[in-house]
């Protein structure tokens, strides 16, 4: 399985990562989305029903649901600390999946684990 640092290295080929200050909203639950994200620096809180359910760290990915058919964001993402976050749109995501099957497995694993955690809160 890909290590988190290698997973995010796929994102580093993108032009300009986004920066977020601590407590800044990355996206809201219910919003449509065109990107998935990979944390290069900092930490991100995943919030569901106004509760932090997970704090993710560099090398982790999030926000993939909207690229695989979920119409809107299922949770809120907020910068836990100052962050540098890379992103992939659907075209680049599909290319990464095709070129690096282990990337696809890492993303699916992360997504399914996060979804399982969220479902216990419903």
PDB file of N, CA and C in Angstrom:
ATOM      1  N   UNK A   1       0.851  -1.182   0.000  1.00  0.00           N
ATOM      2  CA  UNK A   1       0.000   0.000   0.000  1.00  0.00           C
ATOM      3  C   UNK A   1       0.890   1.235   0.000  1.00  0.00           C
ATOM      4  N   UNK A   2       0.433   2.269  -0.662  1.00  0.00           N
ATOM      5  CA  UNK A   2       1.201   3.509  -0.706  1.00  0.00           C
ATOM      6  C   UNK A   2       1.301   4.137   0.671  1.00  0.00           C
ATOM      7  N   UNK A   3       2.458   4.647   0.985  1.00  0.00           N
ATOM      8  CA  UNK A   3       2.634   5.422   2.205  1.00  0.00           C
ATOM      9  C   UNK A   3       1.968   6.781   2.003  1.00  0.00           C
ATOM     10  N   UNK A   4       1.505   7.430   3.100  1.00  0.00           N
ATOM     11  CA  UNK A   4       0.852   8.732   2.953  1.00  0.00           C
ATOM     12  C   UNK A   4       1.688   9.754   2.190  1.00  0.00           C
ATOM     13  N   UNK A   5       2.985   9.810   2.441  1.00  0.00           N
ATOM     14  CA  UNK A   5       3.834  10.792   1.753  1.00  0.00           C
ATOM     15  C   UNK A   5       3.840  10.551   0.252  1.00  0.00           C
ATOM     16  N   UNK A   6       3.839   9.282  -0.165  1.00  0.00           N
ATOM     17  CA  UNK A   6       3.834   8.980  -1.591  1.00  0.00           C
ATOM     18  C   UNK A   6       2.472   9.300  -2.204  1.00  0.00           C
ATOM     19  N   UNK A   7       1.416   9.058  -1.452  1.00  0.00           N
ATOM     20  CA  UNK A   7       0.076   9.380  -1.939  1.00  0.00           C
ATOM     21  C   UNK A   7      -0.014  10.859  -2.275  1.00  0.00           C
ATOM     22  N   UNK A   8       0.439  11.694  -1.369  1.00  0.00           N
ATOM     23  CA  UNK A   8       0.350  13.131  -1.577  1.00  0.00           C
ATOM     24  C   UNK A   8       1.342  13.609  -2.623  1.00  0.00           C
ATOM     25  N   UNK A   9       2.411  12.861  -2.870  1.00  0.00           N
ATOM     26  CA  UNK A   9       3.360  13.274  -3.909  1.00  0.00           C
ATOM     27  C   UNK A   9       2.675  13.353  -5.265  1.00  0.00           C
ATOM     28  N   UNK A  10       1.631  12.582  -5.462  1.00  0.00           N
ATOM     29  CA  UNK A  10       0.859  12.646  -6.703  1.00  0.00           C
ATOM     30  C   UNK A  10       0.232  14.035  -6.845  1.00  0.00           C
ATOM     31  N   UNK A  11      -0.169  14.628  -5.730  1.00  0.00           N
ATOM     32  CA  UNK A  11      -0.772  15.955  -5.737  1.00  0.00           C
ATOM     33  C   UNK A  11       0.257  17.054  -6.009  1.00  0.00           C
ATOM     34  N   UNK A  12       1.489  16.816  -5.663  1.00  0.00           N
ATOM     35  CA  UNK A  12       2.501  17.860  -5.753  1.00  0.00           C
ATOM     36  C   UNK A  12       2.823  18.259  -7.184  1.00  0.00           C
ATOM     37  N   UNK A  13       2.318  17.533  -8.137  1.00  0.00           N
ATOM     38  CA  UNK A  13       2.525  17.894  -9.537  1.00  0.00           C
ATOM     39  C   UNK A  13       1.543  18.988  -9.965  1.00  0.00           C
ATOM     40  N   UNK A  14       0.614  19.339  -9.085  1.00  0.00           N
ATOM     41  CA  UNK A  14      -0.354  20.385  -9.375  1.00  0.00           C
ATOM     42  C   UNK A  14       0.328  21.744  -9.292  1.00  0.00           C
ATOM     43  N   UNK A  15      -0.217  22.726 -10.010  1.00  0.00           N
ATOM     44  CA  UNK A  15       0.442  24.016 -10.108  1.00  0.00           C
ATOM     45  C   UNK A  15       0.656  24.735  -8.772  1.00  0.00           C
ATOM     46  N   UNK A  16      -0.356  25.030  -8.060  1.00  0.00           N
ATOM     47  CA  UNK A  16      -0.229  25.875  -6.884  1.00  0.00           C
ATOM     48  C   UNK A  16      -1.101  25.326  -5.756  1.00  0.00           C
ATOM     49  N   UNK A  17      -0.495  24.821  -4.679  1.00  0.00           N
ATOM     50  CA  UNK A  17      -1.330  24.367  -3.571  1.00  0.00           C
ATOM     51  C   UNK A  17      -2.067  25.550  -2.941  1.00  0.00           C
ATOM     52  N   UNK A  18      -3.152  25.248  -2.277  1.00  0.00           N
ATOM     53  CA  UNK A  18      -3.923  26.272  -1.579  1.00  0.00           C
ATOM     54  C   UNK A  18      -3.439  26.330  -0.135  1.00  0.00           C
ATOM     55  N   UNK A  19      -3.466  27.513   0.439  1.00  0.00           N
ATOM     56  CA  UNK A  19      -3.116  27.655   1.850  1.00  0.00           C
ATOM     57  C   UNK A  19      -4.360  28.082   2.616  1.00  0.00           C
ATOM     58  N   UNK A  20      -4.473  27.563   3.817  1.00  0.00           N
ATOM     59  CA  UNK A  20      -5.590  27.885   4.699  1.00  0.00           C
ATOM     60  C   UNK A  20      -5.028  28.209   6.077  1.00  0.00           C
ATOM     61  N   UNK A  21      -5.594  29.200   6.723  1.00  0.00           N
ATOM     62  CA  UNK A  21      -5.217  29.552   8.084  1.00  0.00           C
ATOM     63  C   UNK A  21      -5.978  28.667   9.056  1.00  0.00           C
ATOM     64  N   UNK A  22      -5.431  28.503  10.250  1.00  0.00           N
ATOM     65  CA  UNK A  22      -6.122  27.728  11.281  1.00  0.00           C
ATOM     66  C   UNK A  22      -7.553  28.249  11.428  1.00  0.00           C
ATOM     67  N   UNK A  23      -8.502  27.328  11.535  1.00  0.00           N
ATOM     68  CA  UNK A  23      -9.938  27.592  11.696  1.00  0.00           C
ATOM     69  C   UNK A  23     -10.646  28.033  10.423  1.00  0.00           C
ATOM     70  N   UNK A  24      -9.934  28.144   9.314  1.00  0.00           N
ATOM     71  CA  UNK A  24     -10.568  28.539   8.057  1.00  0.00           C
ATOM     72  C   UNK A  24     -11.313  27.348   7.459  1.00  0.00           C
ATOM     73  N   UNK A  25     -12.523  27.589   6.988  1.00  0.00           N
ATOM     74  CA  UNK A  25     -13.333  26.541   6.365  1.00  0.00           C
ATOM     75  C   UNK A  25     -12.772  26.226   4.982  1.00  0.00           C
ATOM     76  N   UNK A  26     -12.544  24.955   4.738  1.00  0.00           N
ATOM     77  CA  UNK A  26     -12.093  24.492   3.424  1.00  0.00           C
ATOM     78  C   UNK A  26     -13.321  24.237   2.551  1.00  0.00           C
ATOM     79  N   UNK A  27     -14.298  23.545   3.113  1.00  0.00           N
ATOM     80  CA  UNK A  27     -15.603  23.429   2.474  1.00  0.00           C
ATOM     81  C   UNK A  27     -16.639  23.047   3.522  1.00  0.00           C
ATOM     82  N   UNK A  28     -17.898  23.310   3.166  1.00  0.00           N
ATOM     83  CA  UNK A  28     -19.037  23.056   4.051  1.00  0.00           C
ATOM     84  C   UNK A  28     -19.760  21.783   3.631  1.00  0.00           C
ATOM     85  N   UNK A  29     -20.369  21.135   4.601  1.00  0.00           N
ATOM     86  CA  UNK A  29     -21.239  20.001   4.305  1.00  0.00           C
ATOM     87  C   UNK A  29     -22.372  20.485   3.397  1.00  0.00           C
ATOM     88  N   UNK A  30     -22.704  19.684   2.391  1.00  0.00           N
ATOM     89  CA  UNK A  30     -23.795  20.018   1.487  1.00  0.00           C
ATOM     90  C   UNK A  30     -23.372  20.791   0.253  1.00  0.00           C
ATOM     91  N   UNK A  31     -22.149  21.307   0.232  1.00  0.00           N
ATOM     92  CA  UNK A  31     -21.681  22.030  -0.949  1.00  0.00           C
ATOM     93  C   UNK A  31     -21.334  21.059  -2.076  1.00  0.00           C
ATOM     94  N   UNK A  32     -21.522  21.491  -3.318  1.00  0.00           N
ATOM     95  CA  UNK A  32     -20.996  20.680  -4.417  1.00  0.00           C
ATOM     96  C   UNK A  32     -19.477  20.781  -4.393  1.00  0.00           C
ATOM     97  N   UNK A  33     -18.810  19.848  -5.025  1.00  0.00           N
ATOM     98  CA  UNK A  33     -17.356  19.895  -5.029  1.00  0.00           C
ATOM     99  C   UNK A  33     -16.770  19.436  -6.346  1.00  0.00           C
ATOM    100  N   UNK A  34     -15.666  20.070  -6.720  1.00  0.00           N
ATOM    101  CA  UNK A  34     -14.985  19.722  -7.961  1.00  0.00           C
ATOM    102  C   UNK A  34     -13.576  19.196  -7.723  1.00  0.00           C
ATOM    103  N   UNK A  35     -13.158  19.126  -6.460  1.00  0.00           N
ATOM    104  CA  UNK A  35     -11.789  18.739  -6.146  1.00  0.00           C
ATOM    105  C   UNK A  35     -11.746  17.766  -4.977  1.00  0.00           C
ATOM    106  N   UNK A  36     -10.688  16.961  -4.943  1.00  0.00           N
ATOM    107  CA  UNK A  36     -10.308  16.239  -3.736  1.00  0.00           C
ATOM    108  C   UNK A  36      -9.002  16.862  -3.281  1.00  0.00           C
ATOM    109  N   UNK A  37      -8.654  16.652  -2.042  1.00  0.00           N
ATOM    110  CA  UNK A  37      -7.517  17.343  -1.449  1.00  0.00           C
ATOM    111  C   UNK A  37      -6.528  16.370  -0.821  1.00  0.00           C
ATOM    112  N   UNK A  38      -5.281  16.801  -0.771  1.00  0.00           N
ATOM    113  CA  UNK A  38      -4.225  16.078  -0.080  1.00  0.00           C
ATOM    114  C   UNK A  38      -3.456  17.056   0.782  1.00  0.00           C
ATOM    115  N   UNK A  39      -3.238  16.702   2.038  1.00  0.00           N
ATOM    116  CA  UNK A  39      -2.574  17.616   2.967  1.00  0.00           C
ATOM    117  C   UNK A  39      -1.059  17.524   2.787  1.00  0.00           C
ATOM    118  N   UNK A  40      -0.447  18.646   2.442  1.00  0.00           N
ATOM    119  CA  UNK A  40       1.006  18.727   2.330  1.00  0.00           C
ATOM    120  C   UNK A  40       1.629  19.146   3.657  1.00  0.00           C
ATOM    121  N   UNK A  41       0.992  20.107   4.322  1.00  0.00           N
ATOM    122  CA  UNK A  41       1.460  20.604   5.617  1.00  0.00           C
ATOM    123  C   UNK A  41       0.244  20.953   6.463  1.00  0.00           C
ATOM    124  N   UNK A  42       0.346  20.753   7.778  1.00  0.00           N
ATOM    125  CA  UNK A  42      -0.730  21.113   8.690  1.00  0.00           C
ATOM    126  C   UNK A  42      -1.691  19.970   8.945  1.00  0.00           C
ATOM    127  N   UNK A  43      -2.795  20.294   9.602  1.00  0.00           N
ATOM    128  CA  UNK A  43      -3.829  19.315   9.943  1.00  0.00           C
ATOM    129  C   UNK A  43      -5.194  19.881   9.590  1.00  0.00           C
ATOM    130  N   UNK A  44      -6.149  18.976   9.323  1.00  0.00           N
ATOM    131  CA  UNK A  44      -7.511  19.348   8.948  1.00  0.00           C
ATOM    132  C   UNK A  44      -8.486  18.581   9.832  1.00  0.00           C
ATOM    133  N   UNK A  45      -9.487  19.295  10.346  1.00  0.00           N
ATOM    134  CA  UNK A  45     -10.561  18.662  11.110  1.00  0.00           C
ATOM    135  C   UNK A  45     -11.703  18.300  10.176  1.00  0.00           C
ATOM    136  N   UNK A  46     -12.198  17.081  10.323  1.00  0.00           N
ATOM    137  CA  UNK A  46     -13.382  16.610   9.619  1.00  0.00           C
ATOM    138  C   UNK A  46     -14.532  16.716  10.616  1.00  0.00           C
ATOM    139  N   UNK A  47     -15.568  17.461  10.246  1.00  0.00           N
ATOM    140  CA  UNK A  47     -16.659  17.777  11.168  1.00  0.00           C
ATOM    141  C   UNK A  47     -17.973  17.279  10.592  1.00  0.00           C
ATOM    142  N   UNK A  48     -18.707  16.551  11.420  1.00  0.00           N
ATOM    143  CA  UNK A  48     -20.008  16.029  11.027  1.00  0.00           C
ATOM    144  C   UNK A  48     -20.971  16.276  12.175  1.00  0.00           C
ATOM    145  N   UNK A  49     -22.134  16.851  11.876  1.00  0.00           N
ATOM    146  CA  UNK A  49     -23.107  17.204  12.916  1.00  0.00           C
ATOM    147  C   UNK A  49     -22.462  18.059  14.003  1.00  0.00           C
ATOM    148  N   UNK A  50     -21.663  19.028  13.595  1.00  0.00           N
ATOM    149  CA  UNK A  50     -20.997  19.975  14.497  1.00  0.00           C
ATOM    150  C   UNK A  50     -20.031  19.319  15.480  1.00  0.00           C
ATOM    151  N   UNK A  51     -19.537  18.129  15.144  1.00  0.00           N
ATOM    152  CA  UNK A  51     -18.603  17.419  16.015  1.00  0.00           C
ATOM    153  C   UNK A  51     -17.367  17.021  15.208  1.00  0.00           C
ATOM    154  N   UNK A  52     -16.188  17.277  15.769  1.00  0.00           N
ATOM    155  CA  UNK A  52     -14.956  16.835  15.112  1.00  0.00           C
ATOM    156  C   UNK A  52     -14.891  15.319  15.242  1.00  0.00           C
ATOM    157  N   UNK A  53     -14.921  14.637  14.103  1.00  0.00           N
ATOM    158  CA  UNK A  53     -14.889  13.178  14.121  1.00  0.00           C
ATOM    159  C   UNK A  53     -13.509  12.634  13.781  1.00  0.00           C
ATOM    160  N   UNK A  54     -12.654  13.511  13.241  1.00  0.00           N
ATOM    161  CA  UNK A  54     -11.322  13.070  12.844  1.00  0.00           C
ATOM    162  C   UNK A  54     -10.465  14.306  12.590  1.00  0.00           C
ATOM    163  N   UNK A  55      -9.205  14.211  12.959  1.00  0.00           N
ATOM    164  CA  UNK A  55      -8.217  15.225  12.589  1.00  0.00           C
ATOM    165  C   UNK A  55      -7.179  14.507  11.742  1.00  0.00           C
ATOM    166  N   UNK A  56      -7.057  14.949  10.487  1.00  0.00           N
ATOM    167  CA  UNK A  56      -6.151  14.266   9.571  1.00  0.00           C
ATOM    168  C   UNK A  56      -4.883  15.087   9.367  1.00  0.00           C
ATOM    169  N   UNK A  57      -3.813  14.398   9.006  1.00  0.00           N
ATOM    170  CA  UNK A  57      -2.469  14.966   9.003  1.00  0.00           C
ATOM    171  C   UNK A  57      -1.842  14.914   7.612  1.00  0.00           C
ATOM    172  N   UNK A  58      -0.655  15.484   7.471  1.00  0.00           N
ATOM    173  CA  UNK A  58       0.017  15.456   6.167  1.00  0.00           C
ATOM    174  C   UNK A  58       0.094  14.036   5.601  1.00  0.00           C
ATOM    175  N   UNK A  59      -0.163  13.963   4.306  1.00  0.00           N
ATOM    176  CA  UNK A  59      -0.160  12.673   3.621  1.00  0.00           C
ATOM    177  C   UNK A  59      -1.544  12.090   3.454  1.00  0.00           C
ATOM    178  N   UNK A  60      -2.507  12.610   4.197  1.00  0.00           N
ATOM    179  CA  UNK A  60      -3.872  12.097   4.098  1.00  0.00           C
ATOM    180  C   UNK A  60      -4.649  12.844   3.022  1.00  0.00           C
ATOM    181  N   UNK A  61      -5.683  12.194   2.503  1.00  0.00           N
ATOM    182  CA  UNK A  61      -6.537  12.781   1.474  1.00  0.00           C
ATOM    183  C   UNK A  61      -7.963  12.893   2.002  1.00  0.00           C
ATOM    184  N   UNK A  62      -8.713  13.826   1.410  1.00  0.00           N
ATOM    185  CA  UNK A  62     -10.114  13.994   1.801  1.00  0.00           C
ATOM    186  C   UNK A  62     -10.869  14.678   0.675  1.00  0.00           C
ATOM    187  N   UNK A  63     -12.201  14.601   0.741  1.00  0.00           N
ATOM    188  CA  UNK A  63     -13.043  15.269  -0.236  1.00  0.00           C
ATOM    189  C   UNK A  63     -13.221  14.523  -1.547  1.00  0.00           C
ATOM    190  N   UNK A  64     -12.948  13.238  -1.545  1.00  0.00           N
ATOM    191  CA  UNK A  64     -12.998  12.475  -2.802  1.00  0.00           C
ATOM    192  C   UNK A  64     -14.422  12.135  -3.238  1.00  0.00           C
ATOM    193  N   UNK A  65     -15.358  12.119  -2.325  1.00  0.00           N
ATOM    194  CA  UNK A  65     -16.718  11.672  -2.637  1.00  0.00           C
ATOM    195  C   UNK A  65     -17.344  12.339  -3.840  1.00  0.00           C
ATOM    196  N   UNK A  66     -17.162  13.647  -3.953  1.00  0.00           N
ATOM    197  CA  UNK A  66     -17.802  14.352  -5.063  1.00  0.00           C
ATOM    198  C   UNK A  66     -17.171  14.014  -6.411  1.00  0.00           C
ATOM    199  N   UNK A  67     -15.996  13.399  -6.409  1.00  0.00           N
ATOM    200  CA  UNK A  67     -15.376  12.992  -7.671  1.00  0.00           C
ATOM    201  C   UNK A  67     -15.790  11.597  -8.097  1.00  0.00           C
ATOM    202  N   UNK A  68     -16.454  10.871  -7.194  1.00  0.00           N
ATOM    203  CA  UNK A  68     -16.864   9.501  -7.514  1.00  0.00           C
ATOM    204  C   UNK A  68     -18.378   9.322  -7.456  1.00  0.00           C
ATOM    205  N   UNK A  69     -19.123  10.427  -7.609  1.00  0.00           N
ATOM    206  CA  UNK A  69     -20.559  10.307  -7.755  1.00  0.00           C
ATOM    207  C   UNK A  69     -21.425  10.819  -6.629  1.00  0.00           C
ATOM    208  N   UNK A  70     -20.858  11.183  -5.482  1.00  0.00           N
ATOM    209  CA  UNK A  70     -21.657  11.761  -4.404  1.00  0.00           C
ATOM    210  C   UNK A  70     -21.929  13.212  -4.794  1.00  0.00           C
ATOM    211  N   UNK A  71     -23.193  13.619  -4.843  1.00  0.00           N
ATOM    212  CA  UNK A  71     -23.496  14.939  -5.398  1.00  0.00           C
ATOM    213  C   UNK A  71     -22.994  16.130  -4.573  1.00  0.00           C
ATOM    214  N   UNK A  72     -22.920  15.990  -3.255  1.00  0.00           N
ATOM    215  CA  UNK A  72     -22.474  17.102  -2.406  1.00  0.00           C
ATOM    216  C   UNK A  72     -21.555  16.586  -1.298  1.00  0.00           C
ATOM    217  N   UNK A  73     -20.864  17.505  -0.668  1.00  0.00           N
ATOM    218  CA  UNK A  73     -19.962  17.171   0.441  1.00  0.00           C
ATOM    219  C   UNK A  73     -20.756  16.583   1.600  1.00  0.00           C
ATOM    220  N   UNK A  74     -20.246  15.516   2.190  1.00  0.00           N
ATOM    221  CA  UNK A  74     -20.972  14.837   3.271  1.00  0.00           C
ATOM    222  C   UNK A  74     -20.508  15.290   4.648  1.00  0.00           C
ATOM    223  N   UNK A  75     -19.460  16.107   4.710  1.00  0.00           N
ATOM    224  CA  UNK A  75     -18.971  16.632   5.985  1.00  0.00           C
ATOM    225  C   UNK A  75     -18.273  17.955   5.733  1.00  0.00           C
ATOM    226  N   UNK A  76     -18.030  18.671   6.803  1.00  0.00           N
ATOM    227  CA  UNK A  76     -17.330  19.949   6.745  1.00  0.00           C
ATOM    228  C   UNK A  76     -15.848  19.710   6.995  1.00  0.00           C
ATOM    229  N   UNK A  77     -14.991  20.439   6.296  1.00  0.00           N
ATOM    230  CA  UNK A  77     -13.544  20.353   6.503  1.00  0.00           C
ATOM    231  C   UNK A  77     -13.030  21.737   6.891  1.00  0.00           C
ATOM    232  N   UNK A  78     -12.335  21.792   8.020  1.00  0.00           N
ATOM    233  CA  UNK A  78     -11.792  23.052   8.542  1.00  0.00           C
ATOM    234  C   UNK A  78     -10.316  22.863   8.862  1.00  0.00           C
ATOM    235  N   UNK A  79      -9.519  23.860   8.531  1.00  0.00           N
ATOM    236  CA  UNK A  79      -8.094  23.809   8.869  1.00  0.00           C
ATOM    237  C   UNK A  79      -7.938  23.796  10.386  1.00  0.00           C
ATOM    238  N   UNK A  80      -7.321  22.759  10.904  1.00  0.00           N
ATOM    239  CA  UNK A  80      -7.038  22.640  12.338  1.00  0.00           C
ATOM    240  C   UNK A  80      -5.864  23.548  12.702  1.00  0.00           C
ATOM    241  N   UNK A  81      -4.920  23.634  11.766  1.00  0.00           N
ATOM    242  CA  UNK A  81      -3.748  24.504  11.906  1.00  0.00           C
ATOM    243  C   UNK A  81      -3.520  25.150  10.548  1.00  0.00           C
ATOM    244  N   UNK A  82      -2.554  26.033  10.452  1.00  0.00           N
ATOM    245  CA  UNK A  82      -2.215  26.565   9.135  1.00  0.00           C
ATOM    246  C   UNK A  82      -1.864  25.393   8.231  1.00  0.00           C
ATOM    247  N   UNK A  83      -2.389  25.391   7.017  1.00  0.00           N
ATOM    248  CA  UNK A  83      -2.251  24.238   6.120  1.00  0.00           C
ATOM    249  C   UNK A  83      -1.815  24.654   4.729  1.00  0.00           C
ATOM    250  N   UNK A  84      -1.129  23.722   4.095  1.00  0.00           N
ATOM    251  CA  UNK A  84      -0.884  23.796   2.661  1.00  0.00           C
ATOM    252  C   UNK A  84      -1.509  22.535   2.087  1.00  0.00           C
ATOM    253  N   UNK A  85      -2.454  22.732   1.168  1.00  0.00           N
ATOM    254  CA  UNK A  85      -3.254  21.622   0.670  1.00  0.00           C
ATOM    255  C   UNK A  85      -3.230  21.606  -0.853  1.00  0.00           C
ATOM    256  N   UNK A  86      -2.872  20.459  -1.393  1.00  0.00           N
ATOM    257  CA  UNK A  86      -2.899  20.260  -2.840  1.00  0.00           C
ATOM    258  C   UNK A  86      -4.273  19.731  -3.231  1.00  0.00           C
ATOM    259  N   UNK A  87      -4.585  19.818  -4.498  1.00  0.00           N
ATOM    260  CA  UNK A  87      -5.906  19.409  -4.944  1.00  0.00           C
ATOM    261  C   UNK A  87      -5.836  18.773  -6.314  1.00  0.00           C
ATOM    262  N   UNK A  88      -6.827  17.921  -6.580  1.00  0.00           N
ATOM    263  CA  UNK A  88      -6.981  17.289  -7.894  1.00  0.00           C
ATOM    264  C   UNK A  88      -8.414  17.477  -8.349  1.00  0.00           C
ATOM    265  N   UNK A  89      -8.595  17.860  -9.609  1.00  0.00           N
ATOM    266  CA  UNK A  89      -9.938  17.870 -10.176  1.00  0.00           C
ATOM    267  C   UNK A  89     -10.244  16.465 -10.682  1.00  0.00           C
ATOM    268  N   UNK A  90     -11.429  16.268 -11.212  1.00  0.00           N
ATOM    269  CA  UNK A  90     -11.825  14.915 -11.617  1.00  0.00           C
ATOM    270  C   UNK A  90     -10.937  14.356 -12.727  1.00  0.00           C
ATOM    271  N   UNK A  91     -10.578  15.171 -13.695  1.00  0.00           N
ATOM    272  CA  UNK A  91      -9.730  14.691 -14.796  1.00  0.00           C
ATOM    273  C   UNK A  91      -8.371  14.230 -14.272  1.00  0.00           C
ATOM    274  N   UNK A  92      -7.755  15.004 -13.405  1.00  0.00           N
ATOM    275  CA  UNK A  92      -6.442  14.619 -12.859  1.00  0.00           C
ATOM    276  C   UNK A  92      -6.566  13.439 -11.900  1.00  0.00           C
ATOM    277  N   UNK A  93      -7.675  13.383 -11.172  1.00  0.00           N
ATOM    278  CA  UNK A  93      -7.924  12.249 -10.286  1.00  0.00           C
ATOM    279  C   UNK A  93      -8.010  10.960 -11.100  1.00  0.00           C
ATOM    280  N   UNK A  94      -8.790  10.971 -12.169  1.00  0.00           N
ATOM    281  CA  UNK A  94      -8.933   9.774 -13.003  1.00  0.00           C
ATOM    282  C   UNK A  94      -7.603   9.377 -13.640  1.00  0.00           C
ATOM    283  N   UNK A  95      -6.808  10.347 -14.044  1.00  0.00           N
ATOM    284  CA  UNK A  95      -5.482  10.057 -14.591  1.00  0.00           C
ATOM    285  C   UNK A  95      -4.608   9.404 -13.527  1.00  0.00           C
ATOM    286  N   UNK A  96      -4.619   9.950 -12.290  1.00  0.00           N
ATOM    287  CA  UNK A  96      -3.807   9.386 -11.197  1.00  0.00           C
ATOM    288  C   UNK A  96      -4.239   7.957 -10.882  1.00  0.00           C
ATOM    289  N   UNK A  97      -5.545   7.712 -10.892  1.00  0.00           N
ATOM    290  CA  UNK A  97      -6.070   6.362 -10.639  1.00  0.00           C
ATOM    291  C   UNK A  97      -5.598   5.399 -11.721  1.00  0.00           C
ATOM    292  N   UNK A  98      -5.641   5.849 -12.962  1.00  0.00           N
ATOM    293  CA  UNK A  98      -5.228   4.998 -14.085  1.00  0.00           C
ATOM    294  C   UNK A  98      -3.726   4.724 -14.045  1.00  0.00           C
ATOM    295  N   UNK A  99      -2.940   5.727 -13.752  1.00  0.00           N
ATOM    296  CA  UNK A  99      -1.483   5.599 -13.779  1.00  0.00           C
ATOM    297  C   UNK A  99      -0.905   4.943 -12.525  1.00  0.00           C
ATOM    298  N   UNK A 100      -1.618   5.073 -11.394  1.00  0.00           N
ATOM    299  CA  UNK A 100      -1.109   4.575 -10.117  1.00  0.00           C
ATOM    300  C   UNK A 100      -2.227   3.840  -9.379  1.00  0.00           C
ATOM    301  N   UNK A 101      -2.457   2.581  -9.707  1.00  0.00           N
ATOM    302  CA  UNK A 101      -3.545   1.847  -9.059  1.00  0.00           C
ATOM    303  C   UNK A 101      -3.457   1.827  -7.530  1.00  0.00           C
ATOM    304  N   UNK A 102      -2.255   1.836  -6.975  1.00  0.00           N
ATOM    305  CA  UNK A 102      -2.141   1.859  -5.517  1.00  0.00           C
ATOM    306  C   UNK A 102      -2.678   3.158  -4.932  1.00  0.00           C
ATOM    307  N   UNK A 103      -2.586   4.232  -5.688  1.00  0.00           N
ATOM    308  CA  UNK A 103      -3.191   5.504  -5.275  1.00  0.00           C
ATOM    309  C   UNK A 103      -4.699   5.316  -5.140  1.00  0.00           C
ATOM    310  N   UNK A 104      -5.306   4.664  -6.118  1.00  0.00           N
ATOM    311  CA  UNK A 104      -6.742   4.419  -6.079  1.00  0.00           C
ATOM    312  C   UNK A 104      -7.124   3.605  -4.842  1.00  0.00           C
ATOM    313  N   UNK A 105      -6.342   2.596  -4.522  1.00  0.00           N
ATOM    314  CA  UNK A 105      -6.626   1.778  -3.337  1.00  0.00           C
ATOM    315  C   UNK A 105      -6.517   2.588  -2.060  1.00  0.00           C
ATOM    316  N   UNK A 106      -5.500   3.439  -1.968  1.00  0.00           N
ATOM    317  CA  UNK A 106      -5.316   4.282  -0.783  1.00  0.00           C
ATOM    318  C   UNK A 106      -6.500   5.236  -0.626  1.00  0.00           C
ATOM    319  N   UNK A 107      -6.914   5.837  -1.718  1.00  0.00           N
ATOM    320  CA  UNK A 107      -8.040   6.771  -1.679  1.00  0.00           C
ATOM    321  C   UNK A 107      -9.322   6.040  -1.282  1.00  0.00           C
ATOM    322  N   UNK A 108      -9.564   4.872  -1.866  1.00  0.00           N
ATOM    323  CA  UNK A 108     -10.763   4.098  -1.523  1.00  0.00           C
ATOM    324  C   UNK A 108     -10.752   3.682  -0.060  1.00  0.00           C
ATOM    325  N   UNK A 109      -9.604   3.270   0.436  1.00  0.00           N
ATOM    326  CA  UNK A 109      -9.486   2.865   1.841  1.00  0.00           C
ATOM    327  C   UNK A 109      -9.788   4.044   2.762  1.00  0.00           C
ATOM    328  N   UNK A 110      -9.176   5.175   2.481  1.00  0.00           N
ATOM    329  CA  UNK A 110      -9.397   6.368   3.286  1.00  0.00           C
ATOM    330  C   UNK A 110     -10.868   6.780   3.259  1.00  0.00           C
ATOM    331  N   UNK A 111     -11.455   6.796   2.069  1.00  0.00           N
ATOM    332  CA  UNK A 111     -12.844   7.192   1.916  1.00  0.00           C
ATOM    333  C   UNK A 111     -13.783   6.236   2.643  1.00  0.00           C
ATOM    334  N   UNK A 112     -13.573   4.942   2.501  1.00  0.00           N
ATOM    335  CA  UNK A 112     -14.473   3.974   3.134  1.00  0.00           C
ATOM    336  C   UNK A 112     -14.339   4.003   4.657  1.00  0.00           C
ATOM    337  N   UNK A 113     -13.129   4.174   5.169  1.00  0.00           N
ATOM    338  CA  UNK A 113     -12.949   4.267   6.624  1.00  0.00           C
ATOM    339  C   UNK A 113     -13.633   5.513   7.175  1.00  0.00           C
ATOM    340  N   UNK A 114     -13.479   6.635   6.484  1.00  0.00           N
ATOM    341  CA  UNK A 114     -14.108   7.885   6.934  1.00  0.00           C
ATOM    342  C   UNK A 114     -15.625   7.744   6.875  1.00  0.00           C
ATOM    343  N   UNK A 115     -16.145   7.178   5.810  1.00  0.00           N
ATOM    344  CA  UNK A 115     -17.581   6.982   5.668  1.00  0.00           C
ATOM    345  C   UNK A 115     -18.113   6.082   6.779  1.00  0.00           C
ATOM    346  N   UNK A 116     -17.383   5.031   7.125  1.00  0.00           N
ATOM    347  CA  UNK A 116     -17.804   4.147   8.218  1.00  0.00           C
ATOM    348  C   UNK A 116     -17.875   4.889   9.537  1.00  0.00           C
ATOM    349  N   UNK A 117     -16.880   5.744   9.799  1.00  0.00           N
ATOM    350  CA  UNK A 117     -16.893   6.539  11.042  1.00  0.00           C
ATOM    351  C   UNK A 117     -18.099   7.480  11.061  1.00  0.00           C
ATOM    352  N   UNK A 118     -18.365   8.101   9.923  1.00  0.00           N
ATOM    353  CA  UNK A 118     -19.499   9.043   9.860  1.00  0.00           C
ATOM    354  C   UNK A 118     -20.830   8.313  10.048  1.00  0.00           C
ATOM    355  N   UNK A 119     -20.948   7.120   9.503  1.00  0.00           N
ATOM    356  CA  UNK A 119     -22.203   6.383   9.601  1.00  0.00           C
ATOM    357  C   UNK A 119     -22.519   5.978  11.035  1.00  0.00           C
ATOM    358  N   UNK A 120     -21.504   5.817  11.870  1.00  0.00           N
ATOM    359  CA  UNK A 120     -21.791   5.495  13.275  1.00  0.00           C
ATOM    360  C   UNK A 120     -22.391   6.679  14.016  1.00  0.00           C
ATOM    361  N   UNK A 121     -22.297   7.877  13.440  1.00  0.00           N
ATOM    362  CA  UNK A 121     -22.822   9.079  14.084  1.00  0.00           C
ATOM    363  C   UNK A 121     -24.232   9.433  13.638  1.00  0.00           C
ATOM    364  N   UNK A 122     -24.719   8.740  12.625  1.00  0.00           N
ATOM    365  CA  UNK A 122     -26.057   9.055  12.081  1.00  0.00           C
ATOM    366  C   UNK A 122     -27.125   8.443  12.942  1.00  0.00           C
TER     367      UNK A 122
END
